[in-house]
Amino acid sequence: MIGTLLARNLRRHLILTLALFGGYTLLFASMVRRRGSAVALSVGLTLVFFWLDVTAQLWAPLRKIQWLSPFSHFEPIQTPLSGMLILWTAFAVALAFVSFERQDL
């Protein structure tokens, strides 16, 4: 029972986190002309988010801005989904669609 609940929560949080990564990757892909630039921006931003989360756990002054990292909102043990993670995902996907509609194909 507990294992099933944990697996379900882990799946929900992982899907939401990956949707956020996909959202800003789509945003970068719609903003730049070259595929490599979009990949570099996406991987770079993901690494900055990860660095921020890990460093904030080790260095107290960065804890004030740790909430900016989606990794800090990844809490699969907790039952409710993080509202901030949902907000970041919706914002990234919305910006990507607006940017994609304005792109000259």
N, C-alpha and C. Protein backbone atom coordinates (compact mmCIF):
# COMPACT_ATOMS: atom_id res chain seq x y z
N MET A 1 0.82 -1.19 0.00
CA MET A 1 0.00 0.00 0.00
C MET A 1 0.87 1.26 0.00
N ILE A 2 1.81 1.34 0.95
CA ILE A 2 2.67 2.52 1.03
C ILE A 2 3.58 2.61 -0.18
N GLY A 3 4.06 1.46 -0.64
CA GLY A 3 4.92 1.44 -1.82
C GLY A 3 4.18 1.90 -3.06
N THR A 4 2.92 1.53 -3.19
CA THR A 4 2.11 1.95 -4.33
C THR A 4 1.86 3.45 -4.29
N LEU A 5 1.56 3.97 -3.10
CA LEU A 5 1.32 5.41 -2.95
C LEU A 5 2.59 6.20 -3.26
N LEU A 6 3.73 5.71 -2.77
CA LEU A 6 5.00 6.37 -3.04
C LEU A 6 5.32 6.35 -4.54
N ALA A 7 5.08 5.22 -5.18
CA ALA A 7 5.34 5.12 -6.63
C ALA A 7 4.43 6.06 -7.41
N ARG A 8 3.18 6.18 -7.00
CA ARG A 8 2.24 7.07 -7.68
C ARG A 8 2.67 8.54 -7.51
N ASN A 9 3.07 8.91 -6.31
CA ASN A 9 3.52 10.29 -6.08
C ASN A 9 4.81 10.58 -6.83
N LEU A 10 5.72 9.62 -6.84
CA LEU A 10 6.97 9.78 -7.57
C LEU A 10 6.69 9.98 -9.06
N ARG A 11 5.78 9.20 -9.59
CA ARG A 11 5.42 9.31 -11.01
C ARG A 11 4.82 10.68 -11.32
N ARG A 12 3.92 11.15 -10.48
CA ARG A 12 3.30 12.47 -10.70
C ARG A 12 4.33 13.60 -10.67
N HIS A 13 5.19 13.58 -9.67
CA HIS A 13 6.20 14.63 -9.56
C HIS A 13 7.21 14.57 -10.70
N LEU A 14 7.58 13.36 -11.09
CA LEU A 14 8.53 13.21 -12.18
C LEU A 14 7.93 13.69 -13.51
N ILE A 15 6.69 13.36 -13.77
CA ILE A 15 6.02 13.82 -14.99
C ILE A 15 5.94 15.34 -15.01
N LEU A 16 5.59 15.94 -13.89
CA LEU A 16 5.48 17.39 -13.82
C LEU A 16 6.84 18.06 -14.00
N THR A 17 7.88 17.50 -13.39
CA THR A 17 9.22 18.06 -13.54
C THR A 17 9.71 17.93 -14.99
N LEU A 18 9.48 16.79 -15.59
CA LEU A 18 9.88 16.61 -16.99
C LEU A 18 9.06 17.50 -17.92
N ALA A 19 7.80 17.75 -17.57
CA ALA A 19 6.99 18.68 -18.38
C ALA A 19 7.56 20.10 -18.30
N LEU A 20 8.06 20.47 -17.13
CA LEU A 20 8.70 21.78 -16.99
C LEU A 20 9.95 21.85 -17.88
N PHE A 21 10.79 20.83 -17.83
CA PHE A 21 11.99 20.81 -18.67
C PHE A 21 11.60 20.85 -20.15
N GLY A 22 10.58 20.11 -20.51
CA GLY A 22 10.11 20.13 -21.89
C GLY A 22 9.53 21.48 -22.28
N GLY A 23 8.89 22.15 -21.33
CA GLY A 23 8.30 23.46 -21.60
C GLY A 23 9.35 24.50 -21.93
N TYR A 24 10.41 24.57 -21.12
CA TYR A 24 11.40 25.58 -21.46
C TYR A 24 12.30 25.15 -22.59
N THR A 25 12.40 23.85 -22.86
CA THR A 25 13.12 23.40 -24.05
C THR A 25 12.34 23.80 -25.30
N LEU A 26 11.02 23.64 -25.26
CA LEU A 26 10.18 24.07 -26.38
C LEU A 26 10.26 25.58 -26.57
N LEU A 27 10.31 26.32 -25.47
CA LEU A 27 10.46 27.77 -25.54
C LEU A 27 11.76 28.14 -26.24
N PHE A 28 12.87 27.53 -25.83
CA PHE A 28 14.15 27.84 -26.46
C PHE A 28 14.17 27.41 -27.92
N ALA A 29 13.56 26.28 -28.23
CA ALA A 29 13.53 25.80 -29.62
C ALA A 29 12.73 26.74 -30.51
N SER A 30 11.72 27.38 -29.96
CA SER A 30 10.92 28.29 -30.76
C SER A 30 11.56 29.67 -30.88
N MET A 31 12.55 29.95 -30.03
CA MET A 31 13.18 31.27 -30.05
C MET A 31 14.45 31.32 -30.90
N VAL A 32 15.14 30.21 -31.02
CA VAL A 32 16.40 30.21 -31.75
C VAL A 32 16.24 29.47 -33.08
N ARG A 33 17.15 29.71 -33.99
CA ARG A 33 17.05 29.10 -35.31
C ARG A 33 17.76 27.74 -35.40
N ARG A 34 18.79 27.57 -34.58
CA ARG A 34 19.57 26.33 -34.67
C ARG A 34 19.21 25.38 -33.55
N ARG A 35 19.13 24.12 -33.91
CA ARG A 35 18.76 23.08 -32.95
C ARG A 35 19.80 22.96 -31.82
N GLY A 36 21.07 23.09 -32.16
CA GLY A 36 22.13 22.97 -31.17
C GLY A 36 22.08 24.06 -30.11
N SER A 37 21.68 25.25 -30.52
CA SER A 37 21.56 26.35 -29.57
C SER A 37 20.45 26.08 -28.56
N ALA A 38 19.35 25.53 -29.03
CA ALA A 38 18.24 25.22 -28.12
C ALA A 38 18.65 24.13 -27.13
N VAL A 39 19.37 23.13 -27.61
CA VAL A 39 19.82 22.06 -26.72
C VAL A 39 20.80 22.62 -25.69
N ALA A 40 21.73 23.45 -26.15
CA ALA A 40 22.72 24.03 -25.23
C ALA A 40 22.06 24.90 -24.17
N LEU A 41 21.09 25.71 -24.55
CA LEU A 41 20.38 26.55 -23.59
C LEU A 41 19.60 25.70 -22.58
N SER A 42 18.95 24.67 -23.06
CA SER A 42 18.14 23.81 -22.18
C SER A 42 19.02 23.05 -21.19
N VAL A 43 20.07 22.46 -21.69
CA VAL A 43 20.97 21.71 -20.80
C VAL A 43 21.65 22.66 -19.83
N GLY A 44 22.06 23.82 -20.32
CA GLY A 44 22.70 24.80 -19.45
C GLY A 44 21.79 25.27 -18.34
N LEU A 45 20.53 25.58 -18.66
CA LEU A 45 19.59 26.02 -17.64
C LEU A 45 19.30 24.91 -16.64
N THR A 46 19.18 23.68 -17.11
CA THR A 46 18.95 22.55 -16.21
C THR A 46 20.13 22.37 -15.26
N LEU A 47 21.35 22.51 -15.78
CA LEU A 47 22.53 22.40 -14.92
C LEU A 47 22.61 23.54 -13.91
N VAL A 48 22.23 24.74 -14.32
CA VAL A 48 22.20 25.88 -13.37
C VAL A 48 21.17 25.62 -12.27
N PHE A 49 20.00 25.11 -12.65
CA PHE A 49 18.99 24.78 -11.64
C PHE A 49 19.51 23.73 -10.66
N PHE A 50 20.16 22.70 -11.19
CA PHE A 50 20.69 21.64 -10.34
C PHE A 50 21.79 22.18 -9.43
N TRP A 51 22.69 22.98 -10.00
CA TRP A 51 23.77 23.58 -9.21
C TRP A 51 23.20 24.44 -8.09
N LEU A 52 22.18 25.23 -8.40
CA LEU A 52 21.56 26.09 -7.40
C LEU A 52 20.97 25.27 -6.26
N ASP A 53 20.29 24.20 -6.59
CA ASP A 53 19.68 23.37 -5.56
C ASP A 53 20.72 22.71 -4.66
N VAL A 54 21.75 22.13 -5.26
CA VAL A 54 22.78 21.44 -4.48
C VAL A 54 23.58 22.44 -3.65
N THR A 55 23.98 23.55 -4.25
CA THR A 55 24.79 24.53 -3.55
C THR A 55 24.00 25.20 -2.42
N ALA A 56 22.72 25.42 -2.62
CA ALA A 56 21.90 26.05 -1.58
C ALA A 56 21.76 25.15 -0.36
N GLN A 57 21.83 23.84 -0.57
CA GLN A 57 21.78 22.93 0.58
C GLN A 57 23.07 22.97 1.38
N LEU A 58 24.16 23.37 0.73
CA LEU A 58 25.46 23.41 1.40
C LEU A 58 25.86 24.79 1.90
N TRP A 59 25.30 25.83 1.30
CA TRP A 59 25.71 27.20 1.61
C TRP A 59 24.48 28.02 1.93
N ALA A 60 24.36 28.48 3.15
CA ALA A 60 23.16 29.13 3.66
C ALA A 60 22.72 30.39 2.89
N PRO A 61 23.63 31.27 2.43
CA PRO A 61 23.15 32.47 1.72
C PRO A 61 22.34 32.18 0.45
N LEU A 62 22.56 31.03 -0.17
CA LEU A 62 21.80 30.71 -1.39
C LEU A 62 20.42 30.13 -1.10
N ARG A 63 20.13 29.83 0.15
CA ARG A 63 18.83 29.25 0.47
C ARG A 63 17.69 30.22 0.21
N LYS A 64 18.00 31.51 0.15
CA LYS A 64 16.95 32.51 -0.12
C LYS A 64 16.41 32.40 -1.53
N ILE A 65 17.24 31.95 -2.47
CA ILE A 65 16.80 31.84 -3.87
C ILE A 65 16.69 30.40 -4.33
N GLN A 66 16.78 29.45 -3.42
CA GLN A 66 16.69 28.04 -3.79
C GLN A 66 15.33 27.70 -4.40
N TRP A 67 14.30 28.45 -4.04
CA TRP A 67 12.96 28.18 -4.56
C TRP A 67 12.88 28.35 -6.07
N LEU A 68 13.86 29.05 -6.67
CA LEU A 68 13.87 29.22 -8.12
C LEU A 68 14.16 27.93 -8.86
N SER A 69 14.79 26.98 -8.19
CA SER A 69 15.14 25.72 -8.82
C SER A 69 13.98 24.73 -8.76
N PRO A 70 13.62 24.12 -9.90
CA PRO A 70 12.54 23.12 -9.86
C PRO A 70 12.94 21.89 -9.06
N PHE A 71 14.23 21.65 -8.91
CA PHE A 71 14.67 20.50 -8.13
C PHE A 71 14.34 20.66 -6.65
N SER A 72 14.23 21.88 -6.18
CA SER A 72 13.88 22.09 -4.78
C SER A 72 12.40 21.82 -4.52
N HIS A 73 11.59 21.78 -5.56
CA HIS A 73 10.15 21.52 -5.42
C HIS A 73 9.80 20.07 -5.72
N PHE A 74 10.79 19.27 -6.05
CA PHE A 74 10.57 17.85 -6.35
C PHE A 74 10.54 17.09 -5.03
N GLU A 75 9.35 16.84 -4.52
CA GLU A 75 9.15 16.16 -3.24
C GLU A 75 8.17 15.00 -3.41
N PRO A 76 8.63 13.86 -3.93
CA PRO A 76 7.69 12.76 -4.20
C PRO A 76 7.14 12.10 -2.94
N ILE A 77 7.75 12.33 -1.79
CA ILE A 77 7.24 11.73 -0.56
C ILE A 77 5.95 12.42 -0.13
N GLN A 78 5.84 13.72 -0.39
CA GLN A 78 4.64 14.46 -0.04
C GLN A 78 3.53 14.13 -1.03
N THR A 79 2.32 14.04 -0.53
CA THR A 79 1.19 13.70 -1.39
C THR A 79 0.80 14.82 -2.35
N PRO A 80 0.58 16.05 -1.88
CA PRO A 80 0.15 17.08 -2.84
C PRO A 80 1.30 17.52 -3.75
N LEU A 81 0.94 17.84 -4.97
CA LEU A 81 1.94 18.35 -5.90
C LEU A 81 2.32 19.77 -5.52
N SER A 82 3.54 20.13 -5.82
CA SER A 82 4.01 21.46 -5.50
C SER A 82 3.34 22.48 -6.42
N GLY A 83 2.71 23.47 -5.82
CA GLY A 83 2.04 24.51 -6.60
C GLY A 83 3.02 25.32 -7.43
N MET A 84 4.22 25.54 -6.89
CA MET A 84 5.23 26.31 -7.62
C MET A 84 5.70 25.54 -8.86
N LEU A 85 5.81 24.23 -8.74
CA LEU A 85 6.23 23.42 -9.89
C LEU A 85 5.16 23.46 -10.98
N ILE A 86 3.90 23.41 -10.59
CA ILE A 86 2.81 23.50 -11.56
C ILE A 86 2.81 24.87 -12.22
N LEU A 87 3.03 25.92 -11.43
CA LEU A 87 3.06 27.28 -11.97
C LEU A 87 4.20 27.47 -12.96
N TRP A 88 5.40 27.01 -12.61
CA TRP A 88 6.56 27.12 -13.52
C TRP A 88 6.29 26.38 -14.82
N THR A 89 5.71 25.18 -14.73
CA THR A 89 5.44 24.39 -15.93
C THR A 89 4.43 25.10 -16.83
N ALA A 90 3.34 25.57 -16.26
CA ALA A 90 2.32 26.26 -17.06
C ALA A 90 2.89 27.52 -17.70
N PHE A 91 3.71 28.26 -16.97
CA PHE A 91 4.31 29.48 -17.49
C PHE A 91 5.26 29.18 -18.65
N ALA A 92 6.10 28.17 -18.50
CA ALA A 92 7.06 27.82 -19.55
C ALA A 92 6.35 27.34 -20.82
N VAL A 93 5.33 26.52 -20.66
CA VAL A 93 4.60 26.02 -21.83
C VAL A 93 3.82 27.14 -22.50
N ALA A 94 3.21 28.02 -21.73
CA ALA A 94 2.46 29.14 -22.31
C ALA A 94 3.39 30.07 -23.08
N LEU A 95 4.54 30.39 -22.51
CA LEU A 95 5.50 31.24 -23.23
C LEU A 95 6.00 30.57 -24.50
N ALA A 96 6.19 29.26 -24.44
CA ALA A 96 6.65 28.54 -25.62
C ALA A 96 5.62 28.62 -26.75
N PHE A 97 4.35 28.45 -26.41
CA PHE A 97 3.33 28.51 -27.44
C PHE A 97 3.17 29.92 -28.01
N VAL A 98 3.27 30.93 -27.17
CA VAL A 98 3.19 32.31 -27.65
C VAL A 98 4.38 32.60 -28.56
N SER A 99 5.56 32.18 -28.17
CA SER A 99 6.75 32.40 -28.98
C SER A 99 6.68 31.63 -30.29
N PHE A 100 6.15 30.42 -30.25
CA PHE A 100 6.05 29.60 -31.46
C PHE A 100 5.05 30.19 -32.45
N GLU A 101 3.95 30.77 -31.96
CA GLU A 101 2.96 31.38 -32.86
C GLU A 101 3.53 32.60 -33.58
N ARG A 102 4.45 33.29 -32.95
CA ARG A 102 5.03 34.49 -33.54
C ARG A 102 6.21 34.19 -34.46
N GLN A 103 6.64 32.95 -34.47
CA GLN A 103 7.82 32.61 -35.28
C GLN A 103 7.46 32.59 -36.76
N ASP A 104 8.36 33.13 -37.55
CA ASP A 104 8.15 33.17 -38.99
C ASP A 104 8.66 31.88 -39.61
N LEU A 105 7.75 31.06 -40.06
CA LEU A 105 8.13 29.77 -40.64
C LEU A 105 8.29 29.93 -42.09
